[in-house]
C-alpha atoms as a PDB file:
ATOM      1  CA  MET A   1     -62.993 -89.859  -0.965  1.00  0.00           C
ATOM      2  CA  PRO A   2     -59.716 -90.063   1.049  1.00  0.00           C
ATOM      3  CA  PRO A   3     -57.811 -86.838   1.115  1.00  0.00           C
ATOM      4  CA  ALA A   4     -54.804 -86.398  -1.154  1.00  0.00           C
ATOM      5  CA  SER A   5     -51.402 -87.462   0.175  1.00  0.00           C
ATOM      6  CA  VAL A   6     -48.326 -85.039   0.165  1.00  0.00           C
ATOM      7  CA  THR A   7     -46.780 -87.163  -2.584  1.00  0.00           C
ATOM      8  CA  HIS A   8     -49.820 -86.555  -4.486  1.00  0.00           C
ATOM      9  CA  LEU A   9     -49.761 -82.823  -3.847  1.00  0.00           C
ATOM     10  CA  ILE A  10     -46.120 -82.270  -4.987  1.00  0.00           C
ATOM     11  CA  PRO A  11     -46.801 -82.470  -8.769  1.00  0.00           C
ATOM     12  CA  ILE A  12     -49.754 -79.937  -8.279  1.00  0.00           C
ATOM     13  CA  LEU A  13     -47.606 -77.570  -6.575  1.00  0.00           C
ATOM     14  CA  GLN A  14     -44.943 -77.937  -9.286  1.00  0.00           C
ATOM     15  CA  THR A  15     -47.820 -77.168 -11.868  1.00  0.00           C
ATOM     16  CA  ALA A  16     -48.652 -74.174  -9.785  1.00  0.00           C
ATOM     17  CA  VAL A  17     -45.240 -72.687 -10.136  1.00  0.00           C
ATOM     18  CA  GLY A  18     -45.878 -71.516 -13.621  1.00  0.00           C
ATOM     19  CA  PRO A  19     -48.831 -69.346 -12.705  1.00  0.00           C
ATOM     20  CA  ALA A  20     -47.044 -68.143  -9.847  1.00  0.00           C
ATOM     21  CA  ILE A  21     -44.269 -66.975 -11.960  1.00  0.00           C
ATOM     22  CA  LEU A  22     -46.786 -65.262 -14.153  1.00  0.00           C
ATOM     23  CA  ILE A  23     -48.234 -63.270 -11.192  1.00  0.00           C
ATOM     24  CA  SER A  24     -44.526 -62.084 -10.542  1.00  0.00           C
ATOM     25  CA  GLY A  25     -44.204 -61.057 -14.081  1.00  0.00           C
ATOM     26  CA  VAL A  26     -47.635 -59.265 -14.178  1.00  0.00           C
ATOM     27  CA  GLY A  27     -46.545 -57.592 -10.939  1.00  0.00           C
ATOM     28  CA  LEU A  28     -43.599 -55.995 -12.698  1.00  0.00           C
ATOM     29  CA  LEU A  29     -45.869 -54.738 -15.596  1.00  0.00           C
ATOM     30  CA  LEU A  30     -48.233 -53.266 -13.116  1.00  0.00           C
ATOM     31  CA  LEU A  31     -45.277 -51.495 -11.448  1.00  0.00           C
ATOM     32  CA  THR A  32     -44.476 -49.905 -14.837  1.00  0.00           C
ATOM     33  CA  MET A  33     -47.981 -49.066 -15.525  1.00  0.00           C
ATOM     34  CA  THR A  34     -48.763 -47.608 -12.236  1.00  0.00           C
ATOM     35  CA  ASN A  35     -45.356 -45.362 -12.617  1.00  0.00           C
ATOM     36  CA  ARG A  36     -46.574 -44.301 -16.130  1.00  0.00           C
ATOM     37  CA  LEU A  37     -49.955 -43.344 -14.651  1.00  0.00           C
ATOM     38  CA  GLY A  38     -48.474 -41.365 -11.783  1.00  0.00           C
ATOM     39  CA  ARG A  39     -46.342 -39.356 -14.278  1.00  0.00           C
ATOM     40  CA  ALA A  40     -49.381 -38.597 -16.445  1.00  0.00           C
ATOM     41  CA  ILE A  41     -51.209 -37.425 -13.373  1.00  0.00           C
ATOM     42  CA  ASP A  42     -48.358 -35.196 -12.188  1.00  0.00           C
ATOM     43  CA  ARG A  43     -47.892 -33.707 -15.582  1.00  0.00           C
ATOM     44  CA  ALA A  44     -51.611 -33.009 -15.888  1.00  0.00           C
ATOM     45  CA  ARG A  45     -51.548 -31.498 -12.442  1.00  0.00           C
ATOM     46  CA  LEU A  46     -48.660 -29.251 -13.338  1.00  0.00           C
ATOM     47  CA  LEU A  47     -50.216 -28.129 -16.563  1.00  0.00           C
ATOM     48  CA  ALA A  48     -53.595 -27.434 -14.794  1.00  0.00           C
ATOM     49  CA  ASP A  49     -51.800 -25.277 -12.208  1.00  0.00           C
ATOM     50  CA  GLN A  50     -50.361 -23.224 -15.135  1.00  0.00           C
ATOM     51  CA  LEU A  51     -53.576 -22.880 -16.928  1.00  0.00           C
ATOM     52  CA  PRO A  52     -55.080 -19.786 -15.196  1.00  0.00           C
ATOM     53  CA  SER A  53     -51.900 -17.662 -15.576  1.00  0.00           C
ATOM     54  CA  VAL A  54     -51.124 -18.261 -19.200  1.00  0.00           C
ATOM     55  CA  ALA A  55     -51.884 -16.042 -22.202  1.00  0.00           C
ATOM     56  CA  GLU A  56     -55.026 -17.146 -24.308  1.00  0.00           C
ATOM     57  CA  THR A  57     -52.650 -18.665 -27.021  1.00  0.00           C
ATOM     58  CA  GLU A  58     -51.013 -20.821 -24.693  1.00  0.00           C
ATOM     59  CA  HIS A  59     -54.255 -21.563 -22.893  1.00  0.00           C
ATOM     60  CA  LYS A  60     -55.791 -23.522 -25.730  1.00  0.00           C
ATOM     61  CA  GLN A  61     -52.489 -25.633 -26.191  1.00  0.00           C
ATOM     62  CA  LEU A  62     -52.329 -26.415 -22.517  1.00  0.00           C
ATOM     63  CA  SER A  63     -55.973 -27.460 -22.650  1.00  0.00           C
ATOM     64  CA  VAL A  64     -55.393 -29.790 -25.601  1.00  0.00           C
ATOM     65  CA  GLN A  65     -52.365 -31.391 -23.716  1.00  0.00           C
ATOM     66  CA  LEU A  66     -54.594 -31.803 -20.565  1.00  0.00           C
ATOM     67  CA  GLN A  67     -57.262 -33.667 -22.759  1.00  0.00           C
ATOM     68  CA  ILE A  68     -54.593 -35.886 -24.159  1.00  0.00           C
ATOM     69  CA  LEU A  69     -53.201 -36.555 -20.713  1.00  0.00           C
ATOM     70  CA  TRP A  70     -56.814 -37.350 -19.418  1.00  0.00           C
ATOM     71  CA  ARG A  71     -57.313 -39.769 -22.249  1.00  0.00           C
ATOM     72  CA  ARG A  72     -53.740 -41.424 -21.827  1.00  0.00           C
ATOM     73  CA  ALA A  73     -54.582 -41.842 -17.867  1.00  0.00           C
ATOM     74  CA  ARG A  74     -57.855 -43.565 -18.726  1.00  0.00           C
ATOM     75  CA  LEU A  75     -55.921 -46.025 -21.195  1.00  0.00           C
ATOM     76  CA  ILE A  76     -53.361 -46.721 -18.449  1.00  0.00           C
ATOM     77  CA  ARG A  77     -55.995 -47.344 -15.932  1.00  0.00           C
ATOM     78  CA  LEU A  78     -57.579 -49.877 -18.446  1.00  0.00           C
ATOM     79  CA  ALA A  79     -54.251 -51.604 -18.992  1.00  0.00           C
ATOM     80  CA  ILE A  80     -53.799 -51.736 -15.071  1.00  0.00           C
ATOM     81  CA  LEU A  81     -57.355 -53.071 -14.858  1.00  0.00           C
ATOM     82  CA  LEU A  82     -56.779 -55.836 -17.205  1.00  0.00           C
ATOM     83  CA  ALA A  83     -53.302 -56.718 -15.807  1.00  0.00           C
ATOM     84  CA  SER A  84     -54.757 -57.012 -12.304  1.00  0.00           C
ATOM     85  CA  ALA A  85     -57.541 -59.213 -13.834  1.00  0.00           C
ATOM     86  CA  SER A  86     -54.852 -61.310 -15.298  1.00  0.00           C
ATOM     87  CA  ALA A  87     -53.053 -61.672 -12.045  1.00  0.00           C
ATOM     88  CA  LEU A  88     -56.230 -62.432 -10.215  1.00  0.00           C
ATOM     89  CA  ALA A  89     -57.325 -65.081 -12.525  1.00  0.00           C
ATOM     90  CA  ALA A  90     -53.767 -66.738 -12.183  1.00  0.00           C
ATOM     91  CA  ALA A  91     -54.140 -66.701  -8.353  1.00  0.00           C
ATOM     92  CA  VAL A  92     -57.521 -68.245  -8.511  1.00  0.00           C
ATOM     93  CA  MET A  93     -56.109 -70.721 -10.980  1.00  0.00           C
ATOM     94  CA  ILE A  94     -53.443 -71.759  -8.401  1.00  0.00           C
ATOM     95  CA  LEU A  95     -56.198 -72.181  -5.766  1.00  0.00           C
ATOM     96  CA  VAL A  96     -58.386 -74.331  -8.008  1.00  0.00           C
ATOM     97  CA  LEU A  97     -55.292 -76.385  -9.006  1.00  0.00           C
ATOM     98  CA  PHE A  98     -54.435 -76.919  -5.451  1.00  0.00           C
ATOM     99  CA  PHE A  99     -57.973 -77.690  -4.120  1.00  0.00           C
ATOM    100  CA  SER A 100     -58.541 -79.996  -7.133  1.00  0.00           C
ATOM    101  CA  GLY A 101     -55.571 -81.861  -6.183  1.00  0.00           C
ATOM    102  CA  LEU A 102     -56.294 -82.015  -2.636  1.00  0.00           C
ATOM    103  CA  TRP A 103     -59.908 -83.104  -2.858  1.00  0.00           C
ATOM    104  CA  ARG A 104     -59.313 -85.079  -6.092  1.00  0.00           C
ATOM    105  CA  LEU A 105     -61.815 -82.934  -8.138  1.00  0.00           C
ATOM    106  CA  ASP A 106     -62.071 -82.879 -11.931  1.00  0.00           C
ATOM    107  CA  SER A 107     -61.845 -79.169 -12.608  1.00  0.00           C
ATOM    108  CA  ALA A 108     -60.131 -79.250 -15.967  1.00  0.00           C
ATOM    109  CA  TRP A 109     -62.677 -76.915 -17.611  1.00  0.00           C
ATOM    110  CA  LEU A 110     -62.530 -74.411 -14.886  1.00  0.00           C
ATOM    111  CA  ILE A 111     -58.606 -74.260 -14.864  1.00  0.00           C
ATOM    112  CA  GLY A 112     -58.535 -74.081 -18.720  1.00  0.00           C
ATOM    113  CA  ASP A 113     -61.075 -71.148 -18.517  1.00  0.00           C
ATOM    114  CA  LEU A 114     -59.149 -69.506 -15.789  1.00  0.00           C
ATOM    115  CA  PHE A 115     -56.136 -69.691 -18.015  1.00  0.00           C
ATOM    116  CA  ILE A 116     -57.717 -68.401 -21.000  1.00  0.00           C
ATOM    117  CA  LEU A 117     -59.056 -65.497 -19.072  1.00  0.00           C
ATOM    118  CA  CYS A 118     -55.597 -64.859 -17.559  1.00  0.00           C
ATOM    119  CA  MET A 119     -54.099 -64.715 -21.050  1.00  0.00           C
ATOM    120  CA  VAL A 120     -56.755 -62.654 -22.772  1.00  0.00           C
ATOM    121  CA  SER A 121     -56.650 -60.039 -20.008  1.00  0.00           C
ATOM    122  CA  LEU A 122     -52.719 -60.077 -20.367  1.00  0.00           C
ATOM    123  CA  VAL A 123     -52.871 -59.490 -24.142  1.00  0.00           C
ATOM    124  CA  LEU A 124     -55.547 -56.925 -23.793  1.00  0.00           C
ATOM    125  CA  SER A 125     -53.639 -54.929 -21.154  1.00  0.00           C
ATOM    126  CA  LEU A 126     -50.430 -55.028 -23.206  1.00  0.00           C
ATOM    127  CA  GLY A 127     -52.407 -54.121 -26.322  1.00  0.00           C
ATOM    128  CA  VAL A 128     -53.885 -51.117 -24.427  1.00  0.00           C
ATOM    129  CA  PHE A 129     -50.393 -50.318 -22.876  1.00  0.00           C
ATOM    130  CA  ILE A 130     -48.825 -50.298 -26.331  1.00  0.00           C
ATOM    131  CA  HIS A 131     -51.719 -47.961 -27.585  1.00  0.00           C
ATOM    132  CA  ASP A 132     -50.792 -45.560 -24.714  1.00  0.00           C
ATOM    133  CA  VAL A 133     -47.254 -45.597 -25.570  1.00  0.00           C
ATOM    134  CA  ASN A 134     -48.145 -44.590 -29.108  1.00  0.00           C
ATOM    135  CA  ARG A 135     -50.495 -41.853 -27.968  1.00  0.00           C
ATOM    136  CA  SER A 136     -47.729 -40.351 -25.716  1.00  0.00           C
ATOM    137  CA  LEU A 137     -45.512 -40.216 -28.763  1.00  0.00           C
ATOM    138  CA  ALA A 138     -48.216 -38.606 -30.857  1.00  0.00           C
ATOM    139  CA  ALA A 139     -48.716 -36.033 -28.115  1.00  0.00           C
ATOM    140  CA  LEU A 140     -44.986 -35.483 -27.966  1.00  0.00           C
ATOM    141  CA  ARG A 141     -44.944 -34.790 -31.692  1.00  0.00           C
ATOM    142  CA  LEU A 142     -47.862 -32.239 -31.289  1.00  0.00           C
ATOM    143  CA  GLU A 143     -45.999 -30.545 -28.476  1.00  0.00           C
ATOM    144  CA  LEU A 144     -42.741 -30.354 -30.645  1.00  0.00           C
ATOM    145  CA  ASP A 145     -44.739 -29.141 -33.599  1.00  0.00           C
ATOM    146  CA  GLY A 146     -46.090 -26.360 -31.386  1.00  0.00           C
ATOM    147  CA  HIS A 147     -42.501 -25.272 -30.691  1.00  0.00           C
ATOM    148  CA  GLY A 148     -41.472 -25.323 -34.060  1.00  0.00           C
ATOM    149  CA  ILE A 149     -39.268 -28.500 -33.881  1.00  0.00           C
ATOM    150  CA  ARG A 150     -40.024 -30.511 -36.850  1.00  0.00           C
ATOM    151  CA  ASP A 151     -36.606 -32.138 -37.885  1.00  0.00           C
ATOM    152  CA  LEU A 152     -36.252 -34.995 -35.646  1.00  0.00           C
END
């Protein structure tokens, strides 16, 4: 089978633009998520440093906050892993699109499976990320209640 001509590859490259844009968007989401993870880790380190020097009543509250931050950091890590899997599936899909066109292979099922994997990973990542945002608001509510602030 003869190799594909450049004119044959142009539509394939145009088709690959969509997944490439998806990778860019997921990259921005990953930036947001990694910043959020960094803030949770920084806050946990700050609280852990305060733990030995606080009174027993504050010790329990700080321990609860640290547990919440640990769970949140694990959620954010999961969201990052899922978003990374989405970007990886999109990148592999671009390669499969290109080589399928170059070698004139029928890989529709593989491309479809990669697209589904990409979208499912992205949806799950966003779901976990939303769950983390809700957990952070619940943790804030606990902290404000601990300070006697209830009417916000």
